[in-house]
């Protein structure tokens, strides 16, 4: 997936806040994926900034969400879709 982590901030309660820039075409996919890991993080679209996703991650899940973001940044879901079409 094509996104950039713009910044990372540690909050007073030990949780982390990330701001990600995500192209419009992929924003909904990232949202669906994060939603499926309910409780690992909380996310919202920044209404004042197009294509900016704000993610807050509690201390207990920071390593897991970092792994997920690393995986997503290297995953080409379009290739997965093409392989599925070729198989079927």
PDB file of N, CA and C in Angstrom:
ATOM      1  N   UNK A   1       0.841  -1.164   0.000  1.00  0.00           N
ATOM      2  CA  UNK A   1       0.000   0.000   0.000  1.00  0.00           C
ATOM      3  C   UNK A   1       0.891   1.233   0.000  1.00  0.00           C
ATOM      4  N   UNK A   2       0.335   2.287  -0.496  1.00  0.00           N
ATOM      5  CA  UNK A   2       1.109   3.495  -0.678  1.00  0.00           C
ATOM      6  C   UNK A   2       0.702   4.523   0.378  1.00  0.00           C
ATOM      7  N   UNK A   3       1.449   4.598   1.465  1.00  0.00           N
ATOM      8  CA  UNK A   3       1.205   5.636   2.459  1.00  0.00           C
ATOM      9  C   UNK A   3       2.522   6.047   3.098  1.00  0.00           C
ATOM     10  N   UNK A   4       2.485   7.211   3.723  1.00  0.00           N
ATOM     11  CA  UNK A   4       3.682   7.731   4.393  1.00  0.00           C
ATOM     12  C   UNK A   4       3.323   8.084   5.826  1.00  0.00           C
ATOM     13  N   UNK A   5       4.186   7.713   6.745  1.00  0.00           N
ATOM     14  CA  UNK A   5       4.027   8.145   8.127  1.00  0.00           C
ATOM     15  C   UNK A   5       4.664   9.530   8.212  1.00  0.00           C
ATOM     16  N   UNK A   6       3.832  10.538   8.447  1.00  0.00           N
ATOM     17  CA  UNK A   6       4.315  11.915   8.474  1.00  0.00           C
ATOM     18  C   UNK A   6       4.941  12.278   9.806  1.00  0.00           C
ATOM     19  N   UNK A   7       4.320  11.838  10.885  1.00  0.00           N
ATOM     20  CA  UNK A   7       4.913  12.092  12.186  1.00  0.00           C
ATOM     21  C   UNK A   7       4.396  11.102  13.216  1.00  0.00           C
ATOM     22  N   UNK A   8       5.104  11.083  14.318  1.00  0.00           N
ATOM     23  CA  UNK A   8       4.797  10.176  15.428  1.00  0.00           C
ATOM     24  C   UNK A   8       5.019  10.965  16.707  1.00  0.00           C
ATOM     25  N   UNK A   9       4.031  10.904  17.605  1.00  0.00           N
ATOM     26  CA  UNK A   9       4.123  11.665  18.845  1.00  0.00           C
ATOM     27  C   UNK A   9       3.734  10.761  20.006  1.00  0.00           C
ATOM     28  N   UNK A  10       4.513  10.824  21.086  1.00  0.00           N
ATOM     29  CA  UNK A  10       4.145  10.087  22.293  1.00  0.00           C
ATOM     30  C   UNK A  10       3.253  10.983  23.141  1.00  0.00           C
ATOM     31  N   UNK A  11       2.108  10.443  23.539  1.00  0.00           N
ATOM     32  CA  UNK A  11       1.150  11.194  24.343  1.00  0.00           C
ATOM     33  C   UNK A  11       1.419  10.983  25.831  1.00  0.00           C
ATOM     34  N   UNK A  12       0.823  11.790  26.671  1.00  0.00           N
ATOM     35  CA  UNK A  12       1.105  11.762  28.117  1.00  0.00           C
ATOM     36  C   UNK A  12       0.744  10.440  28.784  1.00  0.00           C
ATOM     37  N   UNK A  13      -0.196   9.695  28.195  1.00  0.00           N
ATOM     38  CA  UNK A  13      -0.589   8.407  28.780  1.00  0.00           C
ATOM     39  C   UNK A  13       0.239   7.230  28.267  1.00  0.00           C
ATOM     40  N   UNK A  14       1.274   7.519  27.465  1.00  0.00           N
ATOM     41  CA  UNK A  14       2.135   6.461  26.938  1.00  0.00           C
ATOM     42  C   UNK A  14       1.702   5.934  25.588  1.00  0.00           C
ATOM     43  N   UNK A  15       0.539   6.352  25.108  1.00  0.00           N
ATOM     44  CA  UNK A  15       0.104   5.916  23.785  1.00  0.00           C
ATOM     45  C   UNK A  15       0.835   6.736  22.718  1.00  0.00           C
ATOM     46  N   UNK A  16       0.780   6.252  21.490  1.00  0.00           N
ATOM     47  CA  UNK A  16       1.427   6.933  20.367  1.00  0.00           C
ATOM     48  C   UNK A  16       0.373   7.463  19.416  1.00  0.00           C
ATOM     49  N   UNK A  17       0.667   8.598  18.812  1.00  0.00           N
ATOM     50  CA  UNK A  17      -0.210   9.153  17.776  1.00  0.00           C
ATOM     51  C   UNK A  17       0.602   9.275  16.496  1.00  0.00           C
ATOM     52  N   UNK A  18       0.075   8.688  15.442  1.00  0.00           N
ATOM     53  CA  UNK A  18       0.681   8.767  14.121  1.00  0.00           C
ATOM     54  C   UNK A  18      -0.221   9.587  13.221  1.00  0.00           C
ATOM     55  N   UNK A  19       0.382  10.318  12.297  1.00  0.00           N
ATOM     56  CA  UNK A  19      -0.338  10.933  11.196  1.00  0.00           C
ATOM     57  C   UNK A  19       0.194  10.296   9.923  1.00  0.00           C
ATOM     58  N   UNK A  20      -0.709   9.724   9.150  1.00  0.00           N
ATOM     59  CA  UNK A  20      -0.351   9.054   7.901  1.00  0.00           C
ATOM     60  C   UNK A  20      -0.972   9.796   6.737  1.00  0.00           C
ATOM     61  N   UNK A  21      -0.190   9.992   5.693  1.00  0.00           N
ATOM     62  CA  UNK A  21      -0.728  10.497   4.435  1.00  0.00           C
ATOM     63  C   UNK A  21      -1.033   9.284   3.564  1.00  0.00           C
ATOM     64  N   UNK A  22      -2.275   9.188   3.111  1.00  0.00           N
ATOM     65  CA  UNK A  22      -2.710   8.043   2.312  1.00  0.00           C
ATOM     66  C   UNK A  22      -3.472   8.561   1.100  1.00  0.00           C
ATOM     67  N   UNK A  23      -3.125   8.113  -0.097  1.00  0.00           N
ATOM     68  CA  UNK A  23      -3.887   8.524  -1.278  1.00  0.00           C
ATOM     69  C   UNK A  23      -5.364   8.137  -1.129  1.00  0.00           C
ATOM     70  N   UNK A  24      -6.231   8.956  -1.684  1.00  0.00           N
ATOM     71  CA  UNK A  24      -7.675   8.725  -1.575  1.00  0.00           C
ATOM     72  C   UNK A  24      -8.073   7.322  -2.002  1.00  0.00           C
ATOM     73  N   UNK A  25      -7.430   6.809  -3.027  1.00  0.00           N
ATOM     74  CA  UNK A  25      -7.787   5.494  -3.568  1.00  0.00           C
ATOM     75  C   UNK A  25      -7.519   4.357  -2.582  1.00  0.00           C
ATOM     76  N   UNK A  26      -6.679   4.593  -1.578  1.00  0.00           N
ATOM     77  CA  UNK A  26      -6.329   3.537  -0.626  1.00  0.00           C
ATOM     78  C   UNK A  26      -6.829   3.816   0.786  1.00  0.00           C
ATOM     79  N   UNK A  27      -7.346   5.002   1.015  1.00  0.00           N
ATOM     80  CA  UNK A  27      -7.768   5.395   2.355  1.00  0.00           C
ATOM     81  C   UNK A  27      -8.821   4.457   2.925  1.00  0.00           C
ATOM     82  N   UNK A  28      -9.792   4.090   2.142  1.00  0.00           N
ATOM     83  CA  UNK A  28     -10.868   3.226   2.646  1.00  0.00           C
ATOM     84  C   UNK A  28     -10.342   1.830   2.988  1.00  0.00           C
ATOM     85  N   UNK A  29      -9.380   1.318   2.206  1.00  0.00           N
ATOM     86  CA  UNK A  29      -8.819  -0.001   2.489  1.00  0.00           C
ATOM     87  C   UNK A  29      -8.081  -0.012   3.827  1.00  0.00           C
ATOM     88  N   UNK A  30      -7.293   1.025   4.074  1.00  0.00           N
ATOM     89  CA  UNK A  30      -6.579   1.109   5.347  1.00  0.00           C
ATOM     90  C   UNK A  30      -7.573   1.188   6.495  1.00  0.00           C
ATOM     91  N   UNK A  31      -8.628   1.963   6.317  1.00  0.00           N
ATOM     92  CA  UNK A  31      -9.670   2.054   7.335  1.00  0.00           C
ATOM     93  C   UNK A  31     -10.321   0.720   7.635  1.00  0.00           C
ATOM     94  N   UNK A  32     -10.652  -0.040   6.599  1.00  0.00           N
ATOM     95  CA  UNK A  32     -11.248  -1.370   6.795  1.00  0.00           C
ATOM     96  C   UNK A  32     -10.308  -2.286   7.567  1.00  0.00           C
ATOM     97  N   UNK A  33      -9.048  -2.251   7.212  1.00  0.00           N
ATOM     98  CA  UNK A  33      -8.075  -3.130   7.872  1.00  0.00           C
ATOM     99  C   UNK A  33      -7.911  -2.739   9.338  1.00  0.00           C
ATOM    100  N   UNK A  34      -7.752  -1.446   9.611  1.00  0.00           N
ATOM    101  CA  UNK A  34      -7.611  -1.013  11.002  1.00  0.00           C
ATOM    102  C   UNK A  34      -8.867  -1.319  11.816  1.00  0.00           C
ATOM    103  N   UNK A  35     -10.019  -1.182  11.199  1.00  0.00           N
ATOM    104  CA  UNK A  35     -11.281  -1.480  11.886  1.00  0.00           C
ATOM    105  C   UNK A  35     -11.351  -2.950  12.297  1.00  0.00           C
ATOM    106  N   UNK A  36     -10.773  -3.820  11.507  1.00  0.00           N
ATOM    107  CA  UNK A  36     -10.835  -5.251  11.816  1.00  0.00           C
ATOM    108  C   UNK A  36      -9.972  -5.618  13.029  1.00  0.00           C
ATOM    109  N   UNK A  37      -9.050  -4.745  13.401  1.00  0.00           N
ATOM    110  CA  UNK A  37      -8.225  -4.965  14.590  1.00  0.00           C
ATOM    111  C   UNK A  37      -8.728  -4.083  15.732  1.00  0.00           C
ATOM    112  N   UNK A  38     -10.008  -4.157  15.966  1.00  0.00           N
ATOM    113  CA  UNK A  38     -10.679  -3.318  16.960  1.00  0.00           C
ATOM    114  C   UNK A  38      -9.983  -3.405  18.321  1.00  0.00           C
ATOM    115  N   UNK A  39      -9.722  -2.266  18.908  1.00  0.00           N
ATOM    116  CA  UNK A  39      -9.072  -2.203  20.205  1.00  0.00           C
ATOM    117  C   UNK A  39      -7.564  -2.033  20.126  1.00  0.00           C
ATOM    118  N   UNK A  40      -6.963  -2.411  18.993  1.00  0.00           N
ATOM    119  CA  UNK A  40      -5.515  -2.242  18.839  1.00  0.00           C
ATOM    120  C   UNK A  40      -5.150  -0.785  18.660  1.00  0.00           C
ATOM    121  N   UNK A  41      -6.031  -0.040  17.991  1.00  0.00           N
ATOM    122  CA  UNK A  41      -5.771   1.377  17.755  1.00  0.00           C
ATOM    123  C   UNK A  41      -7.091   2.080  17.471  1.00  0.00           C
ATOM    124  N   UNK A  42      -7.029   3.379  17.525  1.00  0.00           N
ATOM    125  CA  UNK A  42      -8.190   4.218  17.232  1.00  0.00           C
ATOM    126  C   UNK A  42      -7.764   5.160  16.120  1.00  0.00           C
ATOM    127  N   UNK A  43      -8.601   5.292  15.126  1.00  0.00           N
ATOM    128  CA  UNK A  43      -8.207   6.122  14.001  1.00  0.00           C
ATOM    129  C   UNK A  43      -9.350   7.038  13.594  1.00  0.00           C
ATOM    130  N   UNK A  44      -8.975   8.110  12.950  1.00  0.00           N
ATOM    131  CA  UNK A  44      -9.953   9.052  12.423  1.00  0.00           C
ATOM    132  C   UNK A  44      -9.349   9.766  11.221  1.00  0.00           C
ATOM    133  N   UNK A  45     -10.218  10.147  10.308  1.00  0.00           N
ATOM    134  CA  UNK A  45      -9.785  10.998   9.202  1.00  0.00           C
ATOM    135  C   UNK A  45      -9.765  12.421   9.716  1.00  0.00           C
ATOM    136  N   UNK A  46      -8.723  13.137   9.413  1.00  0.00           N
ATOM    137  CA  UNK A  46      -8.653  14.544   9.790  1.00  0.00           C
ATOM    138  C   UNK A  46      -9.481  15.341   8.794  1.00  0.00           C
ATOM    139  N   UNK A  47     -10.580  15.906   9.241  1.00  0.00           N
ATOM    140  CA  UNK A  47     -11.484  16.625   8.340  1.00  0.00           C
ATOM    141  C   UNK A  47     -10.850  17.891   7.758  1.00  0.00           C
ATOM    142  N   UNK A  48      -9.897  18.461   8.478  1.00  0.00           N
ATOM    143  CA  UNK A  48      -9.258  19.676   7.995  1.00  0.00           C
ATOM    144  C   UNK A  48      -8.123  19.401   7.003  1.00  0.00           C
ATOM    145  N   UNK A  49      -7.753  18.141   6.867  1.00  0.00           N
ATOM    146  CA  UNK A  49      -6.649  17.781   5.969  1.00  0.00           C
ATOM    147  C   UNK A  49      -7.075  16.580   5.122  1.00  0.00           C
ATOM    148  N   UNK A  50      -7.082  16.752   3.805  1.00  0.00           N
ATOM    149  CA  UNK A  50      -7.416  15.641   2.920  1.00  0.00           C
ATOM    150  C   UNK A  50      -6.348  14.567   3.000  1.00  0.00           C
ATOM    151  N   UNK A  51      -6.782  13.340   2.999  1.00  0.00           N
ATOM    152  CA  UNK A  51      -5.906  12.168   2.935  1.00  0.00           C
ATOM    153  C   UNK A  51      -5.012  12.005   4.157  1.00  0.00           C
ATOM    154  N   UNK A  52      -5.373  12.580   5.272  1.00  0.00           N
ATOM    155  CA  UNK A  52      -4.589  12.438   6.483  1.00  0.00           C
ATOM    156  C   UNK A  52      -5.355  11.589   7.487  1.00  0.00           C
ATOM    157  N   UNK A  53      -4.734  10.519   7.916  1.00  0.00           N
ATOM    158  CA  UNK A  53      -5.334   9.608   8.884  1.00  0.00           C
ATOM    159  C   UNK A  53      -4.566   9.740  10.190  1.00  0.00           C
ATOM    160  N   UNK A  54      -5.296   9.947  11.269  1.00  0.00           N
ATOM    161  CA  UNK A  54      -4.684  10.026  12.593  1.00  0.00           C
ATOM    162  C   UNK A  54      -4.962   8.721  13.318  1.00  0.00           C
ATOM    163  N   UNK A  55      -3.912   8.094  13.838  1.00  0.00           N
ATOM    164  CA  UNK A  55      -4.030   6.817  14.539  1.00  0.00           C
ATOM    165  C   UNK A  55      -3.462   6.980  15.936  1.00  0.00           C
ATOM    166  N   UNK A  56      -4.222   6.536  16.931  1.00  0.00           N
ATOM    167  CA  UNK A  56      -3.725   6.519  18.309  1.00  0.00           C
ATOM    168  C   UNK A  56      -3.631   5.073  18.765  1.00  0.00           C
ATOM    169  N   UNK A  57      -2.478   4.734  19.325  1.00  0.00           N
ATOM    170  CA  UNK A  57      -2.178   3.340  19.660  1.00  0.00           C
ATOM    171  C   UNK A  57      -1.852   3.247  21.148  1.00  0.00           C
ATOM    172  N   UNK A  58      -2.659   2.488  21.910  1.00  0.00           N
ATOM    173  CA  UNK A  58      -2.354   2.290  23.330  1.00  0.00           C
ATOM    174  C   UNK A  58      -1.017   1.554  23.490  1.00  0.00           C
ATOM    175  N   UNK A  59      -0.383   1.769  24.634  1.00  0.00           N
ATOM    176  CA  UNK A  59       0.943   1.198  24.897  1.00  0.00           C
ATOM    177  C   UNK A  59       0.980  -0.317  24.691  1.00  0.00           C
ATOM    178  N   UNK A  60      -0.073  -1.022  25.057  1.00  0.00           N
ATOM    179  CA  UNK A  60      -0.089  -2.484  24.971  1.00  0.00           C
ATOM    180  C   UNK A  60      -0.023  -3.015  23.543  1.00  0.00           C
ATOM    181  N   UNK A  61      -0.395  -2.220  22.562  1.00  0.00           N
ATOM    182  CA  UNK A  61      -0.483  -2.712  21.180  1.00  0.00           C
ATOM    183  C   UNK A  61       0.497  -2.039  20.225  1.00  0.00           C
ATOM    184  N   UNK A  62       1.423  -1.260  20.736  1.00  0.00           N
ATOM    185  CA  UNK A  62       2.318  -0.511  19.857  1.00  0.00           C
ATOM    186  C   UNK A  62       3.176  -1.407  18.977  1.00  0.00           C
ATOM    187  N   UNK A  63       3.719  -2.473  19.530  1.00  0.00           N
ATOM    188  CA  UNK A  63       4.537  -3.380  18.711  1.00  0.00           C
ATOM    189  C   UNK A  63       3.705  -4.059  17.631  1.00  0.00           C
ATOM    190  N   UNK A  64       2.508  -4.500  17.989  1.00  0.00           N
ATOM    191  CA  UNK A  64       1.640  -5.190  17.029  1.00  0.00           C
ATOM    192  C   UNK A  64       1.207  -4.261  15.903  1.00  0.00           C
ATOM    193  N   UNK A  65       0.835  -3.026  16.233  1.00  0.00           N
ATOM    194  CA  UNK A  65       0.411  -2.084  15.198  1.00  0.00           C
ATOM    195  C   UNK A  65       1.598  -1.677  14.336  1.00  0.00           C
ATOM    196  N   UNK A  66       2.772  -1.553  14.916  1.00  0.00           N
ATOM    197  CA  UNK A  66       3.969  -1.253  14.117  1.00  0.00           C
ATOM    198  C   UNK A  66       4.213  -2.358  13.098  1.00  0.00           C
ATOM    199  N   UNK A  67       4.084  -3.616  13.529  1.00  0.00           N
ATOM    200  CA  UNK A  67       4.219  -4.745  12.589  1.00  0.00           C
ATOM    201  C   UNK A  67       3.170  -4.664  11.488  1.00  0.00           C
ATOM    202  N   UNK A  68       1.929  -4.354  11.863  1.00  0.00           N
ATOM    203  CA  UNK A  68       0.856  -4.243  10.881  1.00  0.00           C
ATOM    204  C   UNK A  68       1.147  -3.136   9.878  1.00  0.00           C
ATOM    205  N   UNK A  69       1.573  -1.966  10.352  1.00  0.00           N
ATOM    206  CA  UNK A  69       1.888  -0.862   9.445  1.00  0.00           C
ATOM    207  C   UNK A  69       3.071  -1.205   8.546  1.00  0.00           C
ATOM    208  N   UNK A  70       4.073  -1.880   9.091  1.00  0.00           N
ATOM    209  CA  UNK A  70       5.209  -2.317   8.271  1.00  0.00           C
ATOM    210  C   UNK A  70       4.746  -3.263   7.170  1.00  0.00           C
ATOM    211  N   UNK A  71       3.885  -4.211   7.542  1.00  0.00           N
ATOM    212  CA  UNK A  71       3.367  -5.152   6.545  1.00  0.00           C
ATOM    213  C   UNK A  71       2.585  -4.410   5.463  1.00  0.00           C
ATOM    214  N   UNK A  72       1.667  -3.534   5.893  1.00  0.00           N
ATOM    215  CA  UNK A  72       0.835  -2.819   4.925  1.00  0.00           C
ATOM    216  C   UNK A  72       1.661  -1.939   4.000  1.00  0.00           C
ATOM    217  N   UNK A  73       2.712  -1.337   4.519  1.00  0.00           N
ATOM    218  CA  UNK A  73       3.527  -0.458   3.669  1.00  0.00           C
ATOM    219  C   UNK A  73       4.247  -1.238   2.573  1.00  0.00           C
ATOM    220  N   UNK A  74       4.468  -2.533   2.781  1.00  0.00           N
ATOM    221  CA  UNK A  74       5.143  -3.366   1.780  1.00  0.00           C
ATOM    222  C   UNK A  74       4.191  -4.231   0.959  1.00  0.00           C
ATOM    223  N   UNK A  75       2.909  -4.192   1.293  1.00  0.00           N
ATOM    224  CA  UNK A  75       1.933  -5.072   0.649  1.00  0.00           C
ATOM    225  C   UNK A  75       1.325  -4.390  -0.567  1.00  0.00           C
ATOM    226  N   UNK A  76       1.387  -5.062  -1.696  1.00  0.00           N
ATOM    227  CA  UNK A  76       0.747  -4.565  -2.913  1.00  0.00           C
ATOM    228  C   UNK A  76      -0.553  -5.332  -3.098  1.00  0.00           C
ATOM    229  N   UNK A  77      -1.627  -4.792  -2.555  1.00  0.00           N
ATOM    230  CA  UNK A  77      -2.916  -5.488  -2.611  1.00  0.00           C
ATOM    231  C   UNK A  77      -3.406  -5.633  -4.043  1.00  0.00           C
ATOM    232  N   UNK A  78      -2.967  -4.749  -4.932  1.00  0.00           N
ATOM    233  CA  UNK A  78      -3.379  -4.874  -6.337  1.00  0.00           C
ATOM    234  C   UNK A  78      -2.805  -6.148  -6.944  1.00  0.00           C
ATOM    235  N   UNK A  79      -1.582  -6.509  -6.562  1.00  0.00           N
ATOM    236  CA  UNK A  79      -0.977  -7.743  -7.042  1.00  0.00           C
ATOM    237  C   UNK A  79      -1.749  -8.951  -6.510  1.00  0.00           C
ATOM    238  N   UNK A  80      -2.167  -8.904  -5.241  1.00  0.00           N
ATOM    239  CA  UNK A  80      -2.950  -9.986  -4.652  1.00  0.00           C
ATOM    240  C   UNK A  80      -4.256 -10.170  -5.419  1.00  0.00           C
ATOM    241  N   UNK A  81      -4.903  -9.065  -5.755  1.00  0.00           N
ATOM    242  CA  UNK A  81      -6.170  -9.118  -6.506  1.00  0.00           C
ATOM    243  C   UNK A  81      -5.932  -9.724  -7.884  1.00  0.00           C
ATOM    244  N   UNK A  82      -4.832  -9.341  -8.538  1.00  0.00           N
ATOM    245  CA  UNK A  82      -4.493  -9.871  -9.876  1.00  0.00           C
ATOM    246  C   UNK A  82      -4.230 -11.358  -9.796  1.00  0.00           C
ATOM    247  N   UNK A  83      -3.489 -11.824  -8.773  1.00  0.00           N
ATOM    248  CA  UNK A  83      -3.229 -13.253  -8.628  1.00  0.00           C
ATOM    249  C   UNK A  83      -4.522 -14.025  -8.427  1.00  0.00           C
ATOM    250  N   UNK A  84      -5.424 -13.478  -7.628  1.00  0.00           N
ATOM    251  CA  UNK A  84      -6.713 -14.134  -7.388  1.00  0.00           C
ATOM    252  C   UNK A  84      -7.492 -14.256  -8.693  1.00  0.00           C
ATOM    253  N   UNK A  85      -7.507 -13.189  -9.495  1.00  0.00           N
ATOM    254  CA  UNK A  85      -8.219 -13.223 -10.770  1.00  0.00           C
ATOM    255  C   UNK A  85      -7.595 -14.266 -11.698  1.00  0.00           C
ATOM    256  N   UNK A  86      -6.266 -14.374 -11.704  1.00  0.00           N
ATOM    257  CA  UNK A  86      -5.589 -15.347 -12.554  1.00  0.00           C
ATOM    258  C   UNK A  86      -5.912 -16.779 -12.121  1.00  0.00           C
ATOM    259  N   UNK A  87      -6.036 -17.002 -10.817  1.00  0.00           N
ATOM    260  CA  UNK A  87      -6.332 -18.342 -10.312  1.00  0.00           C
ATOM    261  C   UNK A  87      -7.756 -18.747 -10.641  1.00  0.00           C
ATOM    262  N   UNK A  88      -8.673 -17.809 -10.459  1.00  0.00           N
ATOM    263  CA  UNK A  88     -10.078 -18.123 -10.699  1.00  0.00           C
ATOM    264  C   UNK A  88     -10.364 -18.071 -12.170  1.00  0.00           C
TER     265      UNK A  88
END
